[in-house]
Amino acid sequence: SRMVSEEEMEDAALAKWIDAGMKTEDIPIQKVFDLLRKNG
């Protein structure tokens, strides 16, 4: 097992979106803004 904090989960999701965006450029900007706003 491995315990992962909520922040680490959010970082992983953001990294996944960035990787997908680098390939397709189809990531909704609102998702990125929502995640950034959630983190202050």
Full PDB file with SEQRES, HELIX, SHEET, SSBOND, CRYST1, ORIGX, SCALE, CONECT and MASTER records, all heavy atoms in Angstrom:
SEQRES   1 A   40  SER ARG MET VAL SER GLU GLU GLU MET GLU ASP ALA ALA          
SEQRES   2 A   40  LEU ALA LYS TRP ILE ASP ALA GLY MET LYS THR GLU ASP          
SEQRES   3 A   40  ILE PRO ILE GLN LYS VAL PHE ASP LEU LEU ARG LYS ASN          
SEQRES   4 A   40  GLY                                                          
HELIX    1 AA1 GLU A    6  THR A   24  1                                  19    
HELIX    2 AA2 ILE A   29  LYS A   38  1                                  10    
CRYST1    1.000    1.000    1.000  90.00  90.00  90.00 P 1           1          
ORIGX1      1.000000  0.000000  0.000000        0.00000                         
ORIGX2      0.000000  1.000000  0.000000        0.00000                         
ORIGX3      0.000000  0.000000  1.000000        0.00000                         
SCALE1      1.000000  0.000000  0.000000        0.00000                         
SCALE2      0.000000  1.000000  0.000000        0.00000                         
SCALE3      0.000000  0.000000  1.000000        0.00000                         
ATOM      1  N   SER A   1       0.836  -1.200   0.000  1.00  0.00           N  
ATOM      2  CA  SER A   1       0.000   0.000   0.000  1.00  0.00           C  
ATOM      3  C   SER A   1       0.868   1.246   0.000  1.00  0.00           C  
ATOM      4  O   SER A   1       2.048   1.196   0.346  1.00  0.00           O  
ATOM      5  CB  SER A   1      -0.918   0.008   1.229  1.00  0.00           C  
ATOM      6  OG  SER A   1      -0.152   0.148   2.406  1.00  0.00           O  
ATOM      7  N   ARG A   2       0.250   2.338  -0.364  1.00  0.00           N  
ATOM      8  CA  ARG A   2       0.919   3.636  -0.343  1.00  0.00           C  
ATOM      9  C   ARG A   2      -0.139   4.675  -0.019  1.00  0.00           C  
ATOM     10  O   ARG A   2      -1.178   4.742  -0.669  1.00  0.00           O  
ATOM     11  CB  ARG A   2       1.538   3.935  -1.696  1.00  0.00           C  
ATOM     12  CG  ARG A   2       2.219   5.277  -1.738  1.00  0.00           C  
ATOM     13  CD  ARG A   2       2.994   5.454  -3.031  1.00  0.00           C  
ATOM     14  NE  ARG A   2       3.603   6.762  -3.013  1.00  0.00           N  
ATOM     15  CZ  ARG A   2       3.307   7.721  -3.865  1.00  0.00           C  
ATOM     16  NH1 ARG A   2       2.431   7.506  -4.817  1.00  0.00           N  
ATOM     17  NH2 ARG A   2       3.900   8.882  -3.775  1.00  0.00           N  
ATOM     18  N   MET A   3       0.112   5.467   0.995  1.00  0.00           N  
ATOM     19  CA  MET A   3      -0.807   6.522   1.378  1.00  0.00           C  
ATOM     20  C   MET A   3      -0.457   7.780   0.582  1.00  0.00           C  
ATOM     21  O   MET A   3       0.706   8.182   0.530  1.00  0.00           O  
ATOM     22  CB  MET A   3      -0.722   6.812   2.879  1.00  0.00           C  
ATOM     23  CG  MET A   3      -1.050   5.625   3.760  1.00  0.00           C  
ATOM     24  SD  MET A   3      -2.746   5.093   3.488  1.00  0.00           S  
ATOM     25  CE  MET A   3      -2.777   3.584   4.402  1.00  0.00           C  
ATOM     26  N   VAL A   4      -1.453   8.370  -0.047  1.00  0.00           N  
ATOM     27  CA  VAL A   4      -1.257   9.541  -0.884  1.00  0.00           C  
ATOM     28  C   VAL A   4      -2.181  10.642  -0.381  1.00  0.00           C  
ATOM     29  O   VAL A   4      -3.363  10.401  -0.148  1.00  0.00           O  
ATOM     30  CB  VAL A   4      -1.583   9.217  -2.362  1.00  0.00           C  
ATOM     31  CG1 VAL A   4      -1.387  10.427  -3.247  1.00  0.00           C  
ATOM     32  CG2 VAL A   4      -0.753   8.055  -2.845  1.00  0.00           C  
ATOM     33  N   SER A   5      -1.623  11.841  -0.228  1.00  0.00           N  
ATOM     34  CA  SER A   5      -2.432  12.964   0.253  1.00  0.00           C  
ATOM     35  C   SER A   5      -3.330  13.487  -0.869  1.00  0.00           C  
ATOM     36  O   SER A   5      -3.128  13.206  -2.049  1.00  0.00           O  
ATOM     37  CB  SER A   5      -1.531  14.091   0.751  1.00  0.00           C  
ATOM     38  OG  SER A   5      -0.862  14.692  -0.330  1.00  0.00           O  
ATOM     39  N   GLU A   6      -4.318  14.276  -0.476  1.00  0.00           N  
ATOM     40  CA  GLU A   6      -5.226  14.868  -1.455  1.00  0.00           C  
ATOM     41  C   GLU A   6      -4.461  15.778  -2.417  1.00  0.00           C  
ATOM     42  O   GLU A   6      -4.749  15.811  -3.612  1.00  0.00           O  
ATOM     43  CB  GLU A   6      -6.317  15.665  -0.735  1.00  0.00           C  
ATOM     44  CG  GLU A   6      -7.403  16.154  -1.654  1.00  0.00           C  
ATOM     45  CD  GLU A   6      -8.556  16.788  -0.914  1.00  0.00           C  
ATOM     46  OE1 GLU A   6      -8.755  16.469   0.277  1.00  0.00           O  
ATOM     47  OE2 GLU A   6      -9.252  17.597  -1.530  1.00  0.00           O  
ATOM     48  N   GLU A   7      -3.467  16.496  -1.895  1.00  0.00           N  
ATOM     49  CA  GLU A   7      -2.665  17.379  -2.743  1.00  0.00           C  
ATOM     50  C   GLU A   7      -1.904  16.581  -3.806  1.00  0.00           C  
ATOM     51  O   GLU A   7      -1.797  17.009  -4.959  1.00  0.00           O  
ATOM     52  CB  GLU A   7      -1.678  18.198  -1.902  1.00  0.00           C  
ATOM     53  CG  GLU A   7      -2.327  19.243  -1.024  1.00  0.00           C  
ATOM     54  CD  GLU A   7      -2.847  18.668   0.296  1.00  0.00           C  
ATOM     55  OE1 GLU A   7      -2.390  17.576   0.711  1.00  0.00           O  
ATOM     56  OE2 GLU A   7      -3.729  19.300   0.883  1.00  0.00           O  
ATOM     57  N   GLU A   8      -1.383  15.417  -3.419  1.00  0.00           N  
ATOM     58  CA  GLU A   8      -0.661  14.582  -4.374  1.00  0.00           C  
ATOM     59  C   GLU A   8      -1.601  14.063  -5.463  1.00  0.00           C  
ATOM     60  O   GLU A   8      -1.220  13.975  -6.625  1.00  0.00           O  
ATOM     61  CB  GLU A   8       0.017  13.414  -3.671  1.00  0.00           C  
ATOM     62  CG  GLU A   8       1.202  13.819  -2.814  1.00  0.00           C  
ATOM     63  CD  GLU A   8       1.752  12.667  -1.998  1.00  0.00           C  
ATOM     64  OE1 GLU A   8       0.970  12.015  -1.278  1.00  0.00           O  
ATOM     65  OE2 GLU A   8       2.971  12.430  -2.100  1.00  0.00           O  
ATOM     66  N   MET A   9      -2.845  13.739  -5.081  1.00  0.00           N  
ATOM     67  CA  MET A   9      -3.833  13.286  -6.055  1.00  0.00           C  
ATOM     68  C   MET A   9      -4.156  14.411  -7.043  1.00  0.00           C  
ATOM     69  O   MET A   9      -4.261  14.179  -8.244  1.00  0.00           O  
ATOM     70  CB  MET A   9      -5.115  12.825  -5.361  1.00  0.00           C  
ATOM     71  CG  MET A   9      -4.952  11.574  -4.522  1.00  0.00           C  
ATOM     72  SD  MET A   9      -4.721  10.100  -5.509  1.00  0.00           S  
ATOM     73  CE  MET A   9      -6.357   9.918  -6.180  1.00  0.00           C  
ATOM     74  N   GLU A  10      -4.309  15.637  -6.529  1.00  0.00           N  
ATOM     75  CA  GLU A  10      -4.600  16.778  -7.397  1.00  0.00           C  
ATOM     76  C   GLU A  10      -3.428  17.054  -8.333  1.00  0.00           C  
ATOM     77  O   GLU A  10      -3.633  17.358  -9.515  1.00  0.00           O  
ATOM     78  CB  GLU A  10      -4.926  18.009  -6.563  1.00  0.00           C  
ATOM     79  CG  GLU A  10      -6.253  17.897  -5.847  1.00  0.00           C  
ATOM     80  CD  GLU A  10      -6.500  18.996  -4.847  1.00  0.00           C  
ATOM     81  OE1 GLU A  10      -5.578  19.795  -4.567  1.00  0.00           O  
ATOM     82  OE2 GLU A  10      -7.618  19.066  -4.323  1.00  0.00           O  
ATOM     83  N   ASP A  11      -2.206  16.961  -7.811  1.00  0.00           N  
ATOM     84  CA  ASP A  11      -1.023  17.172  -8.646  1.00  0.00           C  
ATOM     85  C   ASP A  11      -0.963  16.135  -9.770  1.00  0.00           C  
ATOM     86  O   ASP A  11      -0.619  16.457 -10.912  1.00  0.00           O  
ATOM     87  CB  ASP A  11       0.257  17.102  -7.817  1.00  0.00           C  
ATOM     88  CG  ASP A  11       0.441  18.301  -6.904  1.00  0.00           C  
ATOM     89  OD1 ASP A  11      -0.274  19.314  -7.094  1.00  0.00           O  
ATOM     90  OD2 ASP A  11       1.299  18.222  -6.001  1.00  0.00           O  
ATOM     91  N   ALA A  12      -1.291  14.896  -9.438  1.00  0.00           N  
ATOM     92  CA  ALA A  12      -1.273  13.834 -10.446  1.00  0.00           C  
ATOM     93  C   ALA A  12      -2.329  14.097 -11.521  1.00  0.00           C  
ATOM     94  O   ALA A  12      -2.071  13.894 -12.719  1.00  0.00           O  
ATOM     95  CB  ALA A  12      -1.505  12.477  -9.796  1.00  0.00           C  
ATOM     96  N   ALA A  13      -3.516  14.560 -11.110  1.00  0.00           N  
ATOM     97  CA  ALA A  13      -4.569  14.863 -12.076  1.00  0.00           C  
ATOM     98  C   ALA A  13      -4.146  16.013 -12.987  1.00  0.00           C  
ATOM     99  O   ALA A  13      -4.338  15.950 -14.210  1.00  0.00           O  
ATOM    100  CB  ALA A  13      -5.868  15.207 -11.357  1.00  0.00           C  
ATOM    101  N   LEU A  14      -3.571  17.054 -12.407  1.00  0.00           N  
ATOM    102  CA  LEU A  14      -3.109  18.189 -13.200  1.00  0.00           C  
ATOM    103  C   LEU A  14      -2.025  17.762 -14.185  1.00  0.00           C  
ATOM    104  O   LEU A  14      -2.043  18.151 -15.361  1.00  0.00           O  
ATOM    105  CB  LEU A  14      -2.603  19.303 -12.289  1.00  0.00           C  
ATOM    106  CG  LEU A  14      -2.227  20.617 -12.958  1.00  0.00           C  
ATOM    107  CD1 LEU A  14      -3.386  21.181 -13.763  1.00  0.00           C  
ATOM    108  CD2 LEU A  14      -1.766  21.621 -11.916  1.00  0.00           C  
ATOM    109  N   ALA A  15      -1.098  16.930 -13.738  1.00  0.00           N  
ATOM    110  CA  ALA A  15      -0.033  16.431 -14.622  1.00  0.00           C  
ATOM    111  C   ALA A  15      -0.621  15.611 -15.767  1.00  0.00           C  
ATOM    112  O   ALA A  15      -0.176  15.727 -16.915  1.00  0.00           O  
ATOM    113  CB  ALA A  15       0.963  15.596 -13.825  1.00  0.00           C  
ATOM    114  N   LYS A  16      -1.637  14.818 -15.460  1.00  0.00           N  
ATOM    115  CA  LYS A  16      -2.291  14.013 -16.496  1.00  0.00           C  
ATOM    116  C   LYS A  16      -2.948  14.913 -17.537  1.00  0.00           C  
ATOM    117  O   LYS A  16      -2.844  14.674 -18.740  1.00  0.00           O  
ATOM    118  CB  LYS A  16      -3.327  13.092 -15.850  1.00  0.00           C  
ATOM    119  CG  LYS A  16      -4.030  12.171 -16.806  1.00  0.00           C  
ATOM    120  CD  LYS A  16      -5.014  11.279 -16.081  1.00  0.00           C  
ATOM    121  CE  LYS A  16      -5.788  10.415 -17.039  1.00  0.00           C  
ATOM    122  NZ  LYS A  16      -6.745   9.552 -16.338  1.00  0.00           N  
ATOM    123  N   TRP A  17      -3.629  15.980 -17.074  1.00  0.00           N  
ATOM    124  CA  TRP A  17      -4.273  16.917 -18.005  1.00  0.00           C  
ATOM    125  C   TRP A  17      -3.235  17.631 -18.863  1.00  0.00           C  
ATOM    126  O   TRP A  17      -3.444  17.845 -20.044  1.00  0.00           O  
ATOM    127  CB  TRP A  17      -5.107  17.946 -17.257  1.00  0.00           C  
ATOM    128  CG  TRP A  17      -6.306  17.382 -16.568  1.00  0.00           C  
ATOM    129  CD1 TRP A  17      -6.984  16.229 -16.884  1.00  0.00           C  
ATOM    130  CD2 TRP A  17      -6.976  17.934 -15.449  1.00  0.00           C  
ATOM    131  NE1 TRP A  17      -8.024  16.044 -16.014  1.00  0.00           N  
ATOM    132  CE2 TRP A  17      -8.052  17.074 -15.130  1.00  0.00           C  
ATOM    133  CE3 TRP A  17      -6.782  19.071 -14.673  1.00  0.00           C  
ATOM    134  CZ2 TRP A  17      -8.923  17.331 -14.079  1.00  0.00           C  
ATOM    135  CZ3 TRP A  17      -7.656  19.321 -13.636  1.00  0.00           C  
ATOM    136  CH2 TRP A  17      -8.700  18.457 -13.335  1.00  0.00           C  
ATOM    137  N   ILE A  18      -2.123  18.013 -18.246  1.00  0.00           N  
ATOM    138  CA  ILE A  18      -1.064  18.691 -18.998  1.00  0.00           C  
ATOM    139  C   ILE A  18      -0.513  17.757 -20.077  1.00  0.00           C  
ATOM    140  O   ILE A  18      -0.347  18.156 -21.229  1.00  0.00           O  
ATOM    141  CB  ILE A  18       0.054  19.187 -18.061  1.00  0.00           C  
ATOM    142  CG1 ILE A  18      -0.462  20.360 -17.212  1.00  0.00           C  
ATOM    143  CG2 ILE A  18       1.289  19.586 -18.860  1.00  0.00           C  
ATOM    144  CD1 ILE A  18       0.480  20.776 -16.095  1.00  0.00           C  
ATOM    145  N   ASP A  19      -0.234  16.505 -19.711  1.00  0.00           N  
ATOM    146  CA  ASP A  19       0.271  15.538 -20.692  1.00  0.00           C  
ATOM    147  C   ASP A  19      -0.719  15.344 -21.829  1.00  0.00           C  
ATOM    148  O   ASP A  19      -0.349  15.320 -23.001  1.00  0.00           O  
ATOM    149  CB  ASP A  19       0.570  14.191 -20.030  1.00  0.00           C  
ATOM    150  CG  ASP A  19       1.828  14.213 -19.185  1.00  0.00           C  
ATOM    151  OD1 ASP A  19       2.633  15.155 -19.347  1.00  0.00           O  
ATOM    152  OD2 ASP A  19       1.997  13.298 -18.359  1.00  0.00           O  
ATOM    153  N   ALA A  20      -1.998  15.210 -21.485  1.00  0.00           N  
ATOM    154  CA  ALA A  20      -3.023  15.029 -22.515  1.00  0.00           C  
ATOM    155  C   ALA A  20      -3.116  16.279 -23.385  1.00  0.00           C  
ATOM    156  O   ALA A  20      -3.274  16.179 -24.612  1.00  0.00           O  
ATOM    157  CB  ALA A  20      -4.376  14.738 -21.868  1.00  0.00           C  
ATOM    158  N   GLY A  21      -3.014  17.439 -22.788  1.00  0.00           N  
ATOM    159  CA  GLY A  21      -3.078  18.688 -23.536  1.00  0.00           C  
ATOM    160  C   GLY A  21      -1.898  18.860 -24.476  1.00  0.00           C  
ATOM    161  O   GLY A  21      -2.039  19.444 -25.555  1.00  0.00           O  
ATOM    162  N   MET A  22      -0.760  18.361 -24.074  1.00  0.00           N  
ATOM    163  CA  MET A  22       0.421  18.453 -24.933  1.00  0.00           C  
ATOM    164  C   MET A  22       0.239  17.595 -26.193  1.00  0.00           C  
ATOM    165  O   MET A  22       0.802  17.890 -27.234  1.00  0.00           O  
ATOM    166  CB  MET A  22       1.674  17.999 -24.176  1.00  0.00           C  
ATOM    167  CG  MET A  22       2.036  18.887 -23.005  1.00  0.00           C  
ATOM    168  SD  MET A  22       2.488  20.546 -23.488  1.00  0.00           S  
ATOM    169  CE  MET A  22       4.132  20.257 -24.067  1.00  0.00           C  
ATOM    170  N   LYS A  23      -0.583  16.561 -26.102  1.00  0.00           N  
ATOM    171  CA  LYS A  23      -0.801  15.679 -27.241  1.00  0.00           C  
ATOM    172  C   LYS A  23      -1.984  16.121 -28.095  1.00  0.00           C  
ATOM    173  O   LYS A  23      -1.944  16.031 -29.311  1.00  0.00           O  
ATOM    174  CB  LYS A  23      -1.041  14.245 -26.753  1.00  0.00           C  
ATOM    175  CG  LYS A  23       0.163  13.629 -26.092  1.00  0.00           C  
ATOM    176  CD  LYS A  23      -0.144  12.271 -25.533  1.00  0.00           C  
ATOM    177  CE  LYS A  23       1.046  11.750 -24.742  1.00  0.00           C  
ATOM    178  NZ  LYS A  23       0.706  10.557 -23.986  1.00  0.00           N  
ATOM    179  N   THR A  24      -3.078  16.586 -27.451  1.00  0.00           N  
ATOM    180  CA  THR A  24      -4.302  16.855 -28.203  1.00  0.00           C  
ATOM    181  C   THR A  24      -4.755  18.311 -28.160  1.00  0.00           C  
ATOM    182  O   THR A  24      -5.533  18.725 -28.985  1.00  0.00           O  
ATOM    183  CB  THR A  24      -5.462  16.006 -27.657  1.00  0.00           C  
ATOM    184  OG1 THR A  24      -5.737  16.418 -26.325  1.00  0.00           O  
ATOM    185  CG2 THR A  24      -5.150  14.529 -27.694  1.00  0.00           C  
ATOM    186  N   GLU A  25      -4.331  19.051 -27.153  1.00  0.00           N  
ATOM    187  CA  GLU A  25      -4.749  20.433 -26.937  1.00  0.00           C  
ATOM    188  C   GLU A  25      -6.261  20.549 -26.724  1.00  0.00           C  
ATOM    189  O   GLU A  25      -6.859  21.581 -26.994  1.00  0.00           O  
ATOM    190  CB  GLU A  25      -4.300  21.329 -28.087  1.00  0.00           C  
ATOM    191  CG  GLU A  25      -2.795  21.376 -28.237  1.00  0.00           C  
ATOM    192  CD  GLU A  25      -2.341  22.256 -29.379  1.00  0.00           C  
ATOM    193  OE1 GLU A  25      -3.145  23.045 -29.882  1.00  0.00           O  
ATOM    194  OE2 GLU A  25      -1.173  22.152 -29.743  1.00  0.00           O  
ATOM    195  N   ASP A  26      -6.918  19.501 -26.215  1.00  0.00           N  
ATOM    196  CA  ASP A  26      -8.369  19.493 -26.016  1.00  0.00           C  
ATOM    197  C   ASP A  26      -8.792  19.518 -24.551  1.00  0.00           C  
ATOM    198  O   ASP A  26      -9.913  19.162 -24.240  1.00  0.00           O  
ATOM    199  CB  ASP A  26      -8.989  18.254 -26.670  1.00  0.00           C  
ATOM    200  CG  ASP A  26      -8.938  18.309 -28.188  1.00  0.00           C  
ATOM    201  OD1 ASP A  26      -8.814  19.425 -28.726  1.00  0.00           O  
ATOM    202  OD2 ASP A  26      -9.022  17.247 -28.815  1.00  0.00           O  
ATOM    203  N   ILE A  27      -7.928  19.908 -23.630  1.00  0.00           N  
ATOM    204  CA  ILE A  27      -8.269  19.951 -22.216  1.00  0.00           C  
ATOM    205  C   ILE A  27      -9.037  21.247 -21.944  1.00  0.00           C  
ATOM    206  O   ILE A  27      -8.545  22.321 -22.268  1.00  0.00           O  
ATOM    207  CB  ILE A  27      -7.011  19.893 -21.324  1.00  0.00           C  
ATOM    208  CG1 ILE A  27      -6.203  18.648 -21.631  1.00  0.00           C  
ATOM    209  CG2 ILE A  27      -7.385  19.962 -19.853  1.00  0.00           C  
ATOM    210  CD1 ILE A  27      -6.933  17.351 -21.440  1.00  0.00           C  
ATOM    211  N   PRO A  28     -10.240  21.145 -21.370  1.00  0.00           N  
ATOM    212  CA  PRO A  28     -11.009  22.362 -21.091  1.00  0.00           C  
ATOM    213  C   PRO A  28     -10.272  23.263 -20.096  1.00  0.00           C  
ATOM    214  O   PRO A  28      -9.853  22.816 -19.028  1.00  0.00           O  
ATOM    215  CB  PRO A  28     -12.300  21.836 -20.481  1.00  0.00           C  
ATOM    216  CG  PRO A  28     -12.363  20.400 -20.856  1.00  0.00           C  
ATOM    217  CD  PRO A  28     -10.945  19.942 -21.028  1.00  0.00           C  
ATOM    218  N   ILE A  29     -10.103  24.505 -20.454  1.00  0.00           N  
ATOM    219  CA  ILE A  29      -9.374  25.449 -19.609  1.00  0.00           C  
ATOM    220  C   ILE A  29     -10.070  25.630 -18.265  1.00  0.00           C  
ATOM    221  O   ILE A  29      -9.425  25.889 -17.258  1.00  0.00           O  
ATOM    222  CB  ILE A  29      -9.175  26.798 -20.337  1.00  0.00           C  
ATOM    223  CG1 ILE A  29      -8.197  27.675 -19.563  1.00  0.00           C  
ATOM    224  CG2 ILE A  29     -10.456  27.544 -20.492  1.00  0.00           C  
ATOM    225  CD1 ILE A  29      -6.926  27.867 -20.282  1.00  0.00           C  
ATOM    226  N   GLN A  30     -11.400  25.461 -18.245  1.00  0.00           N  
ATOM    227  CA  GLN A  30     -12.150  25.631 -17.001  1.00  0.00           C  
ATOM    228  C   GLN A  30     -11.712  24.616 -15.949  1.00  0.00           C  
ATOM    229  O   GLN A  30     -11.646  24.928 -14.768  1.00  0.00           O  
ATOM    230  CB  GLN A  30     -13.654  25.527 -17.258  1.00  0.00           C  
ATOM    231  CG  GLN A  30     -14.492  25.969 -16.080  1.00  0.00           C  
ATOM    232  CD  GLN A  30     -14.205  27.410 -15.670  1.00  0.00           C  
ATOM    233  OE1 GLN A  30     -14.074  28.291 -16.508  1.00  0.00           O  
ATOM    234  NE2 GLN A  30     -14.086  27.643 -14.391  1.00  0.00           N  
ATOM    235  N   LYS A  31     -11.380  23.393 -16.345  1.00  0.00           N  
ATOM    236  CA  LYS A  31     -10.904  22.386 -15.398  1.00  0.00           C  
ATOM    237  C   LYS A  31      -9.606  22.836 -14.733  1.00  0.00           C  
ATOM    238  O   LYS A  31      -9.407  22.659 -13.542  1.00  0.00           O  
ATOM    239  CB  LYS A  31     -10.686  21.041 -16.088  1.00  0.00           C  
ATOM    240  CG  LYS A  31     -11.934  20.257 -16.323  1.00  0.00           C  
ATOM    241  CD  LYS A  31     -11.593  18.862 -16.806  1.00  0.00           C  
ATOM    242  CE  LYS A  31     -12.829  18.031 -16.966  1.00  0.00           C  
ATOM    243  NZ  LYS A  31     -12.528  16.663 -17.355  1.00  0.00           N  
ATOM    244  N   VAL A  32      -8.716  23.410 -15.530  1.00  0.00           N  
ATOM    245  CA  VAL A  32      -7.443  23.885 -14.993  1.00  0.00           C  
ATOM    246  C   VAL A  32      -7.686  25.034 -14.023  1.00  0.00           C  
ATOM    247  O   VAL A  32      -7.144  25.057 -12.914  1.00  0.00           O  
ATOM    248  CB  VAL A  32      -6.490  24.319 -16.128  1.00  0.00           C  
ATOM    249  CG1 VAL A  32      -5.219  24.924 -15.563  1.00  0.00           C  
ATOM    250  CG2 VAL A  32      -6.176  23.134 -17.032  1.00  0.00           C  
ATOM    251  N   PHE A  33      -8.528  25.999 -14.408  1.00  0.00           N  
ATOM    252  CA  PHE A  33      -8.829  27.128 -13.532  1.00  0.00           C  
ATOM    253  C   PHE A  33      -9.503  26.676 -12.239  1.00  0.00           C  
ATOM    254  O   PHE A  33      -9.196  27.182 -11.160  1.00  0.00           O  
ATOM    255  CB  PHE A  33      -9.716  28.158 -14.238  1.00  0.00           C  
ATOM    256  CG  PHE A  33      -8.977  29.005 -15.226  1.00  0.00           C  
ATOM    257  CD1 PHE A  33      -9.540  29.313 -16.450  1.00  0.00           C  
ATOM    258  CD2 PHE A  33      -7.713  29.508 -14.951  1.00  0.00           C  
ATOM    259  CE1 PHE A  33      -8.878  30.096 -17.369  1.00  0.00           C  
ATOM    260  CE2 PHE A  33      -7.028  30.292 -15.862  1.00  0.00           C  
ATOM    261  CZ  PHE A  33      -7.614  30.588 -17.072  1.00  0.00           C  
ATOM    262  N   ASP A  34     -10.420  25.711 -12.329  1.00  0.00           N  
ATOM    263  CA  ASP A  34     -11.097  25.203 -11.126  1.00  0.00           C  
ATOM    264  C   ASP A  34     -10.099  24.583 -10.157  1.00  0.00           C  
ATOM    265  O   ASP A  34     -10.160  24.815  -8.950  1.00  0.00           O  
ATOM    266  CB  ASP A  34     -12.169  24.172 -11.496  1.00  0.00           C  
ATOM    267  CG  ASP A  34     -13.378  24.781 -12.199  1.00  0.00           C  
ATOM    268  OD1 ASP A  34     -13.532  26.032 -12.132  1.00  0.00           O  
ATOM    269  OD2 ASP A  34     -14.147  24.027 -12.796  1.00  0.00           O  
ATOM    270  N   LEU A  35      -9.166  23.789 -10.674  1.00  0.00           N  
ATOM    271  CA  LEU A  35      -8.166  23.165  -9.825  1.00  0.00           C  
ATOM    272  C   LEU A  35      -7.252  24.200  -9.204  1.00  0.00           C  
ATOM    273  O   LEU A  35      -6.935  24.144  -8.015  1.00  0.00           O  
ATOM    274  CB  LEU A  35      -7.356  22.148 -10.620  1.00  0.00           C  
ATOM    275  CG  LEU A  35      -6.337  21.346  -9.820  1.00  0.00           C  
ATOM    276  CD1 LEU A  35      -7.047  20.513  -8.756  1.00  0.00           C  
ATOM    277  CD2 LEU A  35      -5.549  20.446 -10.732  1.00  0.00           C  
ATOM    278  N   LEU A  36      -6.837  25.195  -9.989  1.00  0.00           N  
ATOM    279  CA  LEU A  36      -5.982  26.246  -9.459  1.00  0.00           C  
ATOM    280  C   LEU A  36      -6.710  27.067  -8.386  1.00  0.00           C  
ATOM    281  O   LEU A  36      -6.136  27.375  -7.343  1.00  0.00           O  
ATOM    282  CB  LEU A  36      -5.504  27.171 -10.580  1.00  0.00           C  
ATOM    283  CG  LEU A  36      -4.518  26.542 -11.565  1.00  0.00           C  
ATOM    284  CD1 LEU A  36      -4.255  27.477 -12.734  1.00  0.00           C  
ATOM    285  CD2 LEU A  36      -3.219  26.163 -10.882  1.00  0.00           C  
ATOM    286  N   ARG A  37      -7.973  27.399  -8.627  1.00  0.00           N  
ATOM    287  CA  ARG A  37      -8.758  28.136  -7.646  1.00  0.00           C  
ATOM    288  C   ARG A  37      -8.934  27.341  -6.351  1.00  0.00           C  
ATOM    289  O   ARG A  37      -8.859  27.870  -5.255  1.00  0.00           O  
ATOM    290  CB  ARG A  37     -10.129  28.492  -8.231  1.00  0.00           C  
ATOM    291  CG  ARG A  37     -10.409  29.968  -8.193  1.00  0.00           C  
ATOM    292  CD  ARG A  37     -11.766  30.330  -8.737  1.00  0.00           C  
ATOM    293  NE  ARG A  37     -11.690  30.500 -10.185  1.00  0.00           N  
ATOM    294  CZ  ARG A  37     -12.289  29.731 -11.077  1.00  0.00           C  
ATOM    295  NH1 ARG A  37     -13.063  28.746 -10.708  1.00  0.00           N  
ATOM    296  NH2 ARG A  37     -12.154  29.941 -12.366  1.00  0.00           N  
ATOM    297  N   LYS A  38      -9.134  26.048  -6.495  1.00  0.00           N  
ATOM    298  CA  LYS A  38      -9.307  25.173  -5.338  1.00  0.00           C  
ATOM    299  C   LYS A  38      -8.057  25.182  -4.454  1.00  0.00           C  
ATOM    300  O   LYS A  38      -8.127  25.044  -3.244  1.00  0.00           O  
ATOM    301  CB  LYS A  38      -9.612  23.750  -5.794  1.00  0.00           C  
ATOM    302  CG  LYS A  38      -9.911  22.787  -4.679  1.00  0.00           C  
ATOM    303  CD  LYS A  38     -10.280  21.419  -5.225  1.00  0.00           C  
ATOM    304  CE  LYS A  38     -10.567  20.454  -4.110  1.00  0.00           C  
ATOM    305  NZ  LYS A  38     -10.876  19.125  -4.618  1.00  0.00           N  
ATOM    306  N   ASN A  39      -6.899  25.384  -5.070  1.00  0.00           N  
ATOM    307  CA  ASN A  39      -5.632  25.404  -4.342  1.00  0.00           C  
ATOM    308  C   ASN A  39      -5.187  26.800  -3.958  1.00  0.00           C  
ATOM    309  O   ASN A  39      -4.035  27.011  -3.615  1.00  0.00           O  
ATOM    310  CB  ASN A  39      -4.551  24.694  -5.161  1.00  0.00           C  
ATOM    311  CG  ASN A  39      -4.764  23.203  -5.181  1.00  0.00           C  
ATOM    312  OD1 ASN A  39      -4.927  22.589  -4.144  1.00  0.00           O  
ATOM    313  ND2 ASN A  39      -4.800  22.622  -6.362  1.00  0.00           N  
ATOM    314  N   GLY A  40      -6.097  27.780  -4.056  1.00  0.00           N  
ATOM    315  CA  GLY A  40      -5.789  29.119  -3.534  1.00  0.00           C  
ATOM    316  C   GLY A  40      -5.336  30.138  -4.549  1.00  0.00           C  
ATOM    317  O   GLY A  40      -5.050  31.265  -4.191  1.00  0.00           O  
TER     318      GLY A  40                                                      
MASTER        0    0    0    2    0    0    0    6  317    1    0    4          
END                                                                             
